[in-house]
Amino acid sequence: MECISVFDMLKIGIGPSSSHTLGPWRAAERWIKELKQSKKFDKVEHITVDLYGSLSLTGKGHATDYAVILGLFGADPETIPIDSIESIISSVKDTNTLLLNNELAVPFDAKKDIVFNRKFLPFHANGITFTATINGRRSSSTFYSIGGGFVVKEERTVSKKQDAIFENTFPYPIRLGTELLAYCKELDMPISSVVLENEKSIRDMDTIDFELKRVWETMLECMYIGCHTEGHLPGGLNVRRRAFDMHKSLKCDLPYETPQEWLETIRKTEVKFRQILTWVSCFALSVNEVNAALGRVVTAPTNGSAGVIPAVLMYYMVIENHEADFEHIKKFLLGAGEIGSIFKKGATISAAMGGCQAEIGVSSSMAAAALCELLGGSPEQVLIAAEIAMEHHLGMTCDPIGGLVQIPCIERNAMGAIKAINAAELALGTDPQNVKVPLDKVVNTMWETAKDMNTKYKETSEGGLAIGVHLSDC
């Protein structure tokens, strides 16, 4: 069981999918590193990429082919200029040549050399195999994108050695909610402070603050862009961006020119009770509309669920506490990251393995817990908030129409954010002595539900709305 940092759970990357875009992108980077380490890189004559299972079935709608090309090209998803993506892809397709790691030109026909295989590999639903021809011989390496941008190889198994690494890296190793509560009691600390102590064991405080600010600034910029971009989303569904219209109906007349000025403007705006839901929905929709347009977002814990956490954090800053500062943001992100890691260790954050409960459900749980702590909840109540949020997402399927991360994915972020706020409020009014379903039980139940769920409801576009509504209907 690996140590999972908050920065593993909250990654900066390109939309629309952490498992289908960011994961394959990172897998391509790792393969290039393998080639260099084995001194094969300079000898590569040709490349092919095989996508399996969910990566194949919804890969085109999730821009997996784009991600593969960009990863092989050597672009960094955290820093690549968004407006350069199309030009890089077009250049590769027009010339049938790929500049591998921006160093070595190799023949590459994207239509033929990226192969969409419908079959599933046994290890995980998201399999990807890179093959290089070197001196006329083929050399292959297979990776698995297991959700949230995490990438592994099949030989990665739980071993005594790995357990030892886990135990020895973090001073307070956590797999279960009960273990987290025990540390809170032992140290007399809230959850976010325990998480911070673990983070401090692997990086200095200045780096932690810098990276958390970068995560938050990316979230804020994403919401800002989404609220100020009009038009329709790409992909063929002709989905109109709604955050722009919602924001236009809500915003005040005070001037602003940057995302931070925009935030301060909103915080000065009088918000009526009925508008609260609209604001929260607007924040969530804005993020996932940017995500759907191959914009830069923070996986939280995935791209498909990237809107929930920033929307709930904005709710706290805009509605609950106008004086909230970076320390509040830090606590929120640290607490949210830890809850996400508990779900990843005990269940899954991959829709291809667990349906949408593994994405929107987990993100709602993360946000509910983080909000509960900021609102004054005890560590016990924080875990109650996480449990309530997941309990009411159990069984949610992943059935994207047209294989696009748009319908119903974008709206689900708004619903997940609203549920998170409600879950936090319910938890604050709950006596921990009266809890019947602890967090660890609901994590286990989510995993059992995931295993029982029919494969067609796990990000394959072969069930649910994906077949109930056709592209021609849109």
Protein backbone atom coordinates (compact mmCIF):
# COMPACT_ATOMS: atom_id res chain seq x y z
CA MET A 1 0.00 0.00 0.00
CA GLU A 2 1.63 3.21 -1.18
CA CYS A 3 1.88 6.55 0.57
CA ILE A 4 -0.46 8.94 -1.21
CA SER A 5 0.30 12.63 -0.98
CA VAL A 6 -2.31 15.35 -1.35
CA PHE A 7 -0.47 16.26 -4.55
CA ASP A 8 -1.10 12.77 -5.88
CA MET A 9 -4.83 13.26 -5.35
CA LEU A 10 -4.89 16.84 -6.65
CA LYS A 11 -2.89 16.93 -9.89
CA ILE A 12 -2.78 19.65 -12.52
CA GLY A 13 -3.46 18.36 -16.01
CA ILE A 14 -5.37 18.66 -19.27
CA GLY A 15 -9.00 17.57 -19.74
CA PRO A 16 -11.22 15.85 -20.38
CA SER A 17 -10.30 12.71 -18.39
CA SER A 18 -7.67 11.85 -15.80
CA SER A 19 -7.80 8.13 -16.58
CA HIS A 20 -8.22 8.47 -20.36
CA THR A 21 -6.16 11.61 -21.01
CA LEU A 22 -3.74 12.40 -18.19
CA GLY A 23 -3.01 8.72 -17.44
CA PRO A 24 -2.07 7.73 -21.02
CA TRP A 25 -0.11 10.98 -21.31
CA ARG A 26 1.93 10.10 -18.22
CA ALA A 27 2.27 6.50 -19.39
CA ALA A 28 3.84 7.73 -22.63
CA GLU A 29 6.30 9.80 -20.60
CA ARG A 30 7.21 6.78 -18.49
CA TRP A 31 7.73 4.64 -21.59
CA ILE A 32 10.10 7.22 -23.06
CA LYS A 33 12.00 7.17 -19.77
CA GLU A 34 12.23 3.36 -20.01
CA LEU A 35 13.59 3.63 -23.55
CA LYS A 36 16.23 6.11 -22.46
CA GLN A 37 17.24 4.10 -19.40
CA SER A 38 17.67 0.96 -21.53
CA LYS A 39 19.55 3.00 -24.16
CA LYS A 40 17.01 2.07 -26.84
CA PHE A 41 15.61 5.55 -27.43
CA ASP A 42 17.98 6.62 -30.22
CA LYS A 43 17.39 3.33 -32.05
CA VAL A 44 13.59 3.57 -32.32
CA GLU A 45 12.46 3.16 -35.93
CA HIS A 46 8.67 3.07 -35.53
CA ILE A 47 6.00 3.26 -32.82
CA THR A 48 2.56 1.73 -32.34
CA VAL A 49 0.15 2.20 -29.43
CA ASP A 50 -2.58 -0.27 -28.47
CA LEU A 51 -5.49 0.89 -26.30
CA TYR A 52 -7.58 -1.70 -24.48
CA GLY A 53 -10.95 -1.90 -22.72
CA SER A 54 -12.42 1.39 -21.57
CA LEU A 55 -9.48 3.31 -23.03
CA SER A 56 -10.55 1.99 -26.41
CA LEU A 57 -14.35 2.11 -26.02
CA THR A 58 -14.47 5.76 -24.95
CA GLY A 59 -10.97 6.77 -25.96
CA LYS A 60 -11.85 8.96 -28.92
CA GLY A 61 -14.47 10.89 -26.96
CA HIS A 62 -12.00 11.27 -24.10
CA ALA A 63 -9.18 12.47 -26.41
CA THR A 64 -6.98 9.50 -25.52
CA ASP A 65 -5.41 9.60 -28.97
CA TYR A 66 -4.51 13.26 -28.40
CA ALA A 67 -3.03 12.43 -25.01
CA VAL A 68 -0.89 9.63 -26.43
CA ILE A 69 0.50 11.87 -29.15
CA LEU A 70 1.19 14.75 -26.77
CA GLY A 71 2.85 12.43 -24.25
CA LEU A 72 5.06 10.86 -26.90
CA PHE A 73 5.86 14.34 -28.19
CA GLY A 74 7.22 15.24 -24.76
CA ALA A 75 4.74 17.98 -23.85
CA ASP A 76 4.01 18.53 -20.16
CA PRO A 77 0.28 18.58 -19.27
CA GLU A 78 0.94 21.00 -16.43
CA THR A 79 2.58 23.65 -18.59
CA ILE A 80 1.71 23.10 -22.26
CA PRO A 81 -0.01 26.18 -23.74
CA ILE A 82 -3.60 25.12 -24.39
CA ASP A 83 -3.70 26.86 -27.76
CA SER A 84 -0.72 24.82 -29.00
CA ILE A 85 -2.43 21.43 -28.62
CA GLU A 86 -4.29 21.48 -31.93
CA SER A 87 -1.22 22.62 -33.87
CA ILE A 88 0.90 19.78 -32.45
CA ILE A 89 -1.76 17.19 -33.25
CA SER A 90 -2.32 18.59 -36.74
CA SER A 91 1.41 18.57 -37.49
CA VAL A 92 1.73 14.90 -36.53
CA LYS A 93 -1.33 13.91 -38.55
CA ASP A 94 -0.41 15.97 -41.60
CA THR A 95 3.20 14.78 -41.80
CA ASN A 96 2.73 11.22 -40.45
CA THR A 97 5.82 11.94 -38.40
CA LEU A 98 6.20 12.20 -34.63
CA LEU A 99 9.06 14.02 -32.95
CA LEU A 100 9.54 11.56 -30.09
CA ASN A 101 10.18 13.50 -26.87
CA ASN A 102 10.73 16.50 -29.16
CA GLU A 103 14.06 14.89 -30.10
CA LEU A 104 13.78 11.99 -32.54
CA ALA A 105 11.67 12.02 -35.69
CA VAL A 106 9.92 8.68 -36.30
CA PRO A 107 7.23 7.64 -38.80
CA PHE A 108 3.81 7.72 -37.12
CA ASP A 109 0.41 7.45 -38.78
CA ALA A 110 -2.09 8.27 -36.03
CA LYS A 111 -4.95 6.52 -37.85
CA LYS A 112 -3.05 3.24 -38.11
CA ASP A 113 -0.50 3.35 -35.31
CA ILE A 114 -2.98 4.07 -32.50
CA VAL A 115 -5.07 0.90 -32.35
CA PHE A 116 -8.40 0.83 -30.49
CA ASN A 117 -8.86 -2.74 -29.21
CA ARG A 118 -12.27 -3.50 -27.70
CA LYS A 119 -11.00 -6.36 -25.56
CA PHE A 120 -10.08 -5.88 -21.89
CA LEU A 121 -6.75 -6.88 -20.41
CA PRO A 122 -7.09 -8.92 -17.19
CA PHE A 123 -5.23 -6.56 -14.85
CA HIS A 124 -7.31 -3.38 -15.28
CA ALA A 125 -9.98 -1.94 -17.59
CA ASN A 126 -7.63 0.81 -18.83
CA GLY A 127 -4.70 -0.88 -20.55
CA ILE A 128 -2.21 0.73 -22.95
CA THR A 129 0.72 -0.95 -24.70
CA PHE A 130 3.54 0.96 -26.39
CA THR A 131 5.60 -0.89 -28.98
CA ALA A 132 8.82 0.30 -30.57
CA THR A 133 10.47 -1.28 -33.56
CA ILE A 134 14.22 -1.35 -32.96
CA ASN A 135 16.60 -2.94 -35.47
CA GLY A 136 13.59 -4.64 -37.01
CA ARG A 137 12.45 -6.17 -33.70
CA ARG A 138 9.45 -5.17 -31.64
CA SER A 139 9.82 -4.18 -27.98
CA SER A 140 6.64 -3.60 -25.95
CA SER A 141 5.70 -2.21 -22.55
CA THR A 142 2.21 -2.19 -21.02
CA PHE A 143 0.82 0.33 -18.53
CA TYR A 144 -2.52 0.72 -16.78
CA SER A 145 -4.25 4.01 -16.11
CA ILE A 146 -6.02 3.26 -12.82
CA GLY A 147 -7.83 6.56 -12.28
CA GLY A 148 -6.95 10.09 -11.21
CA GLY A 149 -3.90 10.16 -13.47
CA PHE A 150 -2.23 7.28 -11.58
CA VAL A 151 -0.31 4.89 -13.83
CA VAL A 152 1.03 1.45 -12.87
CA LYS A 153 2.51 -1.65 -14.45
CA GLU A 154 1.12 -5.13 -13.88
CA GLU A 155 4.08 -6.32 -11.87
CA ARG A 156 3.31 -3.71 -9.21
CA THR A 157 1.95 -5.92 -6.43
CA VAL A 158 1.47 -5.44 -2.73
CA SER A 159 4.54 -6.90 -1.06
CA LYS A 160 6.25 -6.81 2.30
CA LYS A 161 8.83 -4.49 0.81
CA GLN A 162 6.18 -2.03 -0.38
CA ASP A 163 4.40 -2.21 2.95
CA ALA A 164 7.68 -1.36 4.66
CA ILE A 165 8.13 1.65 2.40
CA PHE A 166 4.60 2.77 3.24
CA GLU A 167 5.13 2.40 6.96
CA ASN A 168 8.50 4.15 6.94
CA THR A 169 7.78 7.15 4.70
CA PHE A 170 4.89 8.85 6.47
CA PRO A 171 5.11 9.21 10.25
CA TYR A 172 1.38 8.59 10.41
CA PRO A 173 0.52 5.99 7.73
CA ILE A 174 -3.21 5.85 7.05
CA ARG A 175 -5.28 3.26 5.25
CA LEU A 176 -8.55 3.51 7.16
CA GLY A 177 -10.74 6.18 8.66
CA THR A 178 -10.34 4.59 12.07
CA GLU A 179 -6.56 4.94 11.82
CA LEU A 180 -6.95 8.61 10.88
CA LEU A 181 -9.19 9.25 13.87
CA ALA A 182 -6.73 7.47 16.16
CA TYR A 183 -3.93 9.81 15.07
CA CYS A 184 -6.19 12.85 15.54
CA LYS A 185 -6.89 11.72 19.09
CA GLU A 186 -3.28 10.81 19.85
CA LEU A 187 -1.89 14.10 18.51
CA ASP A 188 -4.87 16.22 19.53
CA MET A 189 -5.01 17.59 15.98
CA PRO A 190 -7.68 18.10 13.33
CA ILE A 191 -7.47 15.93 10.24
CA SER A 192 -5.83 18.58 8.07
CA SER A 193 -2.99 18.99 10.60
CA VAL A 194 -2.26 15.25 10.70
CA VAL A 195 -2.14 15.25 6.90
CA LEU A 196 0.20 18.24 6.96
CA GLU A 197 2.60 16.39 9.29
CA ASN A 198 2.77 13.55 6.75
CA GLU A 199 3.41 16.00 3.91
CA LYS A 200 6.19 17.67 5.89
CA SER A 201 7.99 14.32 6.07
CA ILE A 202 8.54 14.34 2.29
CA ARG A 203 8.82 18.06 1.40
CA ASP A 204 9.52 21.34 3.16
CA MET A 205 6.82 23.77 4.25
CA ASP A 206 7.63 26.36 1.62
CA THR A 207 7.19 23.76 -1.12
CA ILE A 208 3.92 22.54 0.36
CA ASP A 209 2.53 26.08 0.46
CA PHE A 210 3.80 26.86 -3.04
CA GLU A 211 2.26 23.73 -4.55
CA LEU A 212 -1.06 24.14 -2.72
CA LYS A 213 -1.26 27.73 -3.93
CA ARG A 214 -0.58 26.51 -7.45
CA VAL A 215 -3.38 23.97 -7.15
CA TRP A 216 -5.80 26.59 -5.85
CA GLU A 217 -4.79 29.17 -8.46
CA THR A 218 -5.37 26.61 -11.21
CA MET A 219 -8.82 25.84 -9.80
CA LEU A 220 -9.67 29.55 -9.53
CA GLU A 221 -8.43 30.32 -13.04
CA CYS A 222 -10.40 27.37 -14.39
CA MET A 223 -13.62 28.68 -12.81
CA TYR A 224 -12.86 32.17 -14.07
CA ILE A 225 -12.32 30.95 -17.64
CA GLY A 226 -15.43 28.79 -17.55
CA CYS A 227 -17.61 31.65 -16.32
CA HIS A 228 -16.32 33.96 -19.05
CA THR A 229 -16.35 31.66 -22.07
CA GLU A 230 -19.43 31.56 -24.26
CA GLY A 231 -20.38 29.10 -26.99
CA HIS A 232 -20.62 25.34 -27.47
CA LEU A 233 -18.37 22.49 -26.41
CA PRO A 234 -16.45 20.43 -28.99
CA GLY A 235 -17.22 16.80 -29.74
CA GLY A 236 -20.45 16.71 -31.72
CA LEU A 237 -23.10 16.87 -28.97
CA ASN A 238 -23.52 20.61 -29.53
CA VAL A 239 -23.65 21.22 -25.77
CA ARG A 240 -23.97 24.91 -24.96
CA ARG A 241 -21.80 26.26 -22.17
CA ARG A 242 -24.13 27.20 -19.32
CA ALA A 243 -21.71 28.67 -16.78
CA PHE A 244 -21.37 31.82 -18.89
CA ASP A 245 -25.11 32.45 -18.91
CA MET A 246 -25.51 31.59 -15.22
CA HIS A 247 -22.64 33.84 -14.25
CA LYS A 248 -23.99 36.67 -16.40
CA SER A 249 -27.31 36.48 -14.56
CA LEU A 250 -25.60 36.51 -11.14
CA LYS A 251 -22.57 38.80 -11.31
CA CYS A 252 -22.43 42.32 -9.92
CA ASP A 253 -21.16 45.41 -11.76
CA LEU A 254 -17.89 45.89 -9.88
CA PRO A 255 -14.85 45.78 -12.21
CA TYR A 256 -12.27 42.98 -12.25
CA GLU A 257 -9.49 41.91 -14.59
CA THR A 258 -7.95 38.81 -12.97
CA PRO A 259 -9.29 35.63 -11.38
CA GLN A 260 -8.37 36.96 -7.90
CA GLU A 261 -10.16 40.27 -8.51
CA TRP A 262 -13.14 38.29 -9.79
CA LEU A 263 -13.19 36.27 -6.55
CA GLU A 264 -13.07 39.41 -4.42
CA THR A 265 -15.87 40.92 -6.50
CA ILE A 266 -18.11 37.94 -5.88
CA ARG A 267 -17.34 37.99 -2.16
CA LYS A 268 -18.64 41.57 -2.01
CA THR A 269 -21.85 40.63 -3.79
CA GLU A 270 -25.02 40.18 -1.78
CA VAL A 271 -26.20 36.61 -2.34
CA LYS A 272 -29.82 35.76 -1.75
CA PHE A 273 -30.69 32.36 -0.34
CA ARG A 274 -32.11 31.06 -3.61
CA GLN A 275 -28.97 32.13 -5.48
CA ILE A 276 -26.65 29.98 -3.39
CA LEU A 277 -27.47 26.82 -5.34
CA THR A 278 -27.07 28.72 -8.59
CA TRP A 279 -23.65 30.05 -7.60
CA VAL A 280 -22.42 26.62 -6.50
CA SER A 281 -23.74 25.03 -9.69
CA CYS A 282 -22.16 27.78 -11.76
CA PHE A 283 -18.75 27.19 -10.18
CA ALA A 284 -18.97 23.42 -10.75
CA LEU A 285 -20.24 23.67 -14.32
CA SER A 286 -17.56 26.21 -15.24
CA VAL A 287 -14.74 23.82 -14.31
CA ASN A 288 -16.12 20.86 -16.18
CA GLU A 289 -16.93 22.87 -19.27
CA VAL A 290 -13.28 23.91 -19.36
CA ASN A 291 -12.36 20.26 -18.79
CA ALA A 292 -14.58 19.11 -21.66
CA ALA A 293 -12.86 21.60 -23.97
CA LEU A 294 -9.39 20.15 -23.24
CA GLY A 295 -8.61 22.95 -20.80
CA ARG A 296 -6.32 22.82 -17.78
CA VAL A 297 -7.95 21.59 -14.57
CA VAL A 298 -7.03 19.98 -11.26
CA THR A 299 -7.90 16.30 -10.99
CA ALA A 300 -9.91 16.19 -7.78
CA PRO A 301 -9.61 13.25 -7.63
CA THR A 302 -10.33 12.89 -11.37
CA ASN A 303 -10.92 15.21 -14.31
CA GLY A 304 -14.51 14.05 -14.73
CA SER A 305 -15.19 15.13 -11.13
CA ALA A 306 -12.88 18.15 -11.13
CA GLY A 307 -15.65 20.68 -10.46
CA VAL A 308 -16.92 19.47 -7.09
CA ILE A 309 -14.05 20.46 -4.79
CA PRO A 310 -13.40 23.95 -6.22
CA ALA A 311 -17.15 24.67 -6.21
CA VAL A 312 -17.50 23.73 -2.54
CA LEU A 313 -14.35 25.64 -1.58
CA MET A 314 -15.70 28.69 -3.42
CA TYR A 315 -18.99 28.23 -1.55
CA TYR A 316 -17.10 28.47 1.71
CA MET A 317 -15.18 31.56 0.63
CA VAL A 318 -18.09 33.37 -1.02
CA ILE A 319 -21.02 32.37 1.21
CA GLU A 320 -19.73 31.11 4.56
CA ASN A 321 -16.57 33.07 5.31
CA HIS A 322 -15.68 36.25 3.44
CA GLU A 323 -12.50 36.53 5.52
CA ALA A 324 -11.20 33.11 4.47
CA ASP A 325 -7.55 33.18 3.41
CA PHE A 326 -4.88 30.77 2.20
CA GLU A 327 -4.74 28.96 5.56
CA HIS A 328 -8.39 27.98 5.11
CA ILE A 329 -7.71 26.89 1.53
CA LYS A 330 -4.74 24.81 2.73
CA LYS A 331 -6.78 23.02 5.39
CA PHE A 332 -9.55 22.32 2.89
CA LEU A 333 -7.23 20.83 0.27
CA LEU A 334 -5.23 18.78 2.79
CA GLY A 335 -8.37 17.29 4.33
CA ALA A 336 -9.97 16.59 0.96
CA GLY A 337 -6.83 14.88 -0.31
CA GLU A 338 -6.67 12.51 2.65
CA ILE A 339 -10.28 11.37 2.26
CA GLY A 340 -9.64 10.74 -1.43
CA SER A 341 -6.59 8.64 -0.62
CA ILE A 342 -8.64 6.46 1.76
CA PHE A 343 -11.07 5.70 -1.06
CA LYS A 344 -8.24 5.00 -3.49
CA LYS A 345 -6.57 2.56 -1.09
CA GLY A 346 -9.78 0.83 -0.02
CA ALA A 347 -11.78 0.94 -3.24
CA THR A 348 -11.14 2.84 -6.49
CA ILE A 349 -11.28 6.29 -8.04
CA SER A 350 -11.57 4.89 -11.57
CA ALA A 351 -14.96 5.03 -13.30
CA ALA A 352 -13.75 2.24 -15.57
CA MET A 353 -13.55 0.06 -12.46
CA GLY A 354 -16.32 1.43 -10.28
CA GLY A 355 -18.69 3.62 -12.27
CA CYS A 356 -19.33 7.28 -11.50
CA GLN A 357 -19.63 6.57 -7.77
CA ALA A 358 -15.84 6.27 -7.90
CA GLU A 359 -15.47 9.77 -9.33
CA ILE A 360 -18.34 12.10 -8.42
CA GLY A 361 -19.05 10.06 -5.28
CA VAL A 362 -15.47 10.28 -4.06
CA SER A 363 -15.10 13.96 -4.96
CA SER A 364 -18.32 14.78 -3.11
CA SER A 365 -17.06 12.84 -0.11
CA MET A 366 -13.74 14.68 -0.19
CA ALA A 367 -15.43 18.07 -0.42
CA ALA A 368 -17.97 17.30 2.31
CA ALA A 369 -15.24 16.29 4.73
CA ALA A 370 -13.08 19.32 4.00
CA LEU A 371 -16.00 21.72 4.34
CA CYS A 372 -17.13 20.10 7.58
CA GLU A 373 -13.74 20.74 9.19
CA LEU A 374 -13.72 24.39 8.11
CA LEU A 375 -17.21 24.81 9.54
CA GLY A 376 -15.98 23.60 12.92
CA GLY A 377 -16.69 19.88 12.72
CA SER A 378 -14.76 17.44 14.90
CA PRO A 379 -12.62 14.75 13.20
CA GLU A 380 -15.45 12.28 13.87
CA GLN A 381 -17.98 14.60 12.21
CA VAL A 382 -15.63 15.15 9.27
CA LEU A 383 -15.64 11.42 8.55
CA ILE A 384 -19.41 11.36 9.00
CA ALA A 385 -19.68 14.04 6.29
CA ALA A 386 -17.50 11.95 3.97
CA GLU A 387 -19.63 8.87 4.65
CA ILE A 388 -22.94 10.65 4.07
CA ALA A 389 -21.80 12.08 0.75
CA MET A 390 -20.66 8.69 -0.56
CA GLU A 391 -23.65 6.85 0.82
CA HIS A 392 -25.88 8.86 -1.49
CA HIS A 393 -23.78 8.22 -4.57
CA LEU A 394 -23.52 4.44 -4.19
CA GLY A 395 -24.29 2.61 -7.41
CA MET A 396 -23.98 5.63 -9.70
CA THR A 397 -23.06 4.43 -13.17
CA CYS A 398 -20.67 5.97 -15.69
CA ASP A 399 -22.55 6.23 -18.99
CA PRO A 400 -21.21 9.19 -21.01
CA ILE A 401 -23.18 9.90 -24.18
CA GLY A 402 -20.94 9.61 -27.22
CA GLY A 403 -18.01 8.73 -24.96
CA LEU A 404 -17.66 12.44 -24.16
CA VAL A 405 -17.13 13.83 -20.68
CA GLN A 406 -20.16 16.11 -21.09
CA ILE A 407 -23.58 14.49 -20.61
CA PRO A 408 -24.32 13.65 -17.81
CA CYS A 409 -20.83 14.30 -16.41
CA ILE A 410 -20.87 18.11 -16.25
CA GLU A 411 -24.19 18.35 -14.41
CA ARG A 412 -23.16 15.59 -12.03
CA ASN A 413 -20.41 17.85 -10.70
CA ALA A 414 -23.01 20.44 -9.73
CA MET A 415 -25.12 17.78 -8.03
CA GLY A 416 -22.06 16.33 -6.27
CA ALA A 417 -21.13 19.77 -4.92
CA ILE A 418 -24.64 20.41 -3.58
CA LYS A 419 -24.68 16.97 -1.93
CA ALA A 420 -21.30 17.67 -0.35
CA ILE A 421 -22.55 20.88 1.26
CA ASN A 422 -25.67 19.12 2.51
CA ALA A 423 -23.61 16.21 3.84
CA ALA A 424 -21.37 18.60 5.79
CA GLU A 425 -24.37 20.31 7.36
CA LEU A 426 -25.95 16.98 8.29
CA ALA A 427 -22.70 15.81 9.84
CA LEU A 428 -22.40 18.96 11.95
CA GLY A 429 -25.75 18.13 13.49
CA THR A 430 -24.88 14.49 14.12
CA ASP A 431 -23.66 13.01 17.40
CA PRO A 432 -20.87 10.57 16.46
CA GLN A 433 -22.20 8.18 19.12
CA ASN A 434 -25.32 7.70 17.00
CA VAL A 435 -23.60 6.85 13.71
CA LYS A 436 -24.63 3.51 12.24
CA VAL A 437 -22.47 3.48 9.09
CA PRO A 438 -18.78 4.42 9.61
CA LEU A 439 -16.70 5.69 6.70
CA ASP A 440 -14.67 2.48 6.38
CA LYS A 441 -17.87 0.48 5.90
CA VAL A 442 -19.09 2.74 3.11
CA VAL A 443 -15.66 2.60 1.41
CA ASN A 444 -15.83 -1.18 1.45
CA THR A 445 -19.45 -1.10 0.26
CA MET A 446 -18.52 1.15 -2.63
CA TRP A 447 -15.85 -1.33 -3.71
CA GLU A 448 -18.22 -4.29 -3.43
CA THR A 449 -20.81 -2.36 -5.42
CA ALA A 450 -18.17 -1.60 -8.03
CA LYS A 451 -17.30 -5.27 -8.41
CA ASP A 452 -20.99 -6.20 -8.74
CA MET A 453 -21.71 -3.50 -11.32
CA ASN A 454 -22.16 -4.65 -14.90
CA THR A 455 -19.18 -3.71 -17.08
CA LYS A 456 -21.35 -1.77 -19.53
CA TYR A 457 -21.96 0.83 -16.80
CA LYS A 458 -18.24 1.43 -16.25
CA GLU A 459 -17.17 4.09 -18.75
CA THR A 460 -17.76 2.00 -21.84
CA SER A 461 -20.67 3.97 -23.38
CA GLU A 462 -22.44 0.63 -23.80
CA GLY A 463 -25.18 1.16 -21.22
CA GLY A 464 -27.44 3.70 -19.53
CA LEU A 465 -27.80 7.14 -21.08
CA ALA A 466 -25.02 6.33 -23.53
CA ILE A 467 -27.35 3.99 -25.43
CA GLY A 468 -30.64 5.53 -24.30
CA VAL A 469 -29.77 8.81 -26.00
CA HIS A 470 -28.09 8.82 -29.39
CA LEU A 471 -25.91 11.49 -30.96
CA SER A 472 -28.61 12.05 -33.58
CA ASP A 473 -31.03 12.97 -30.78
CA CYS A 474 -28.72 15.81 -29.73
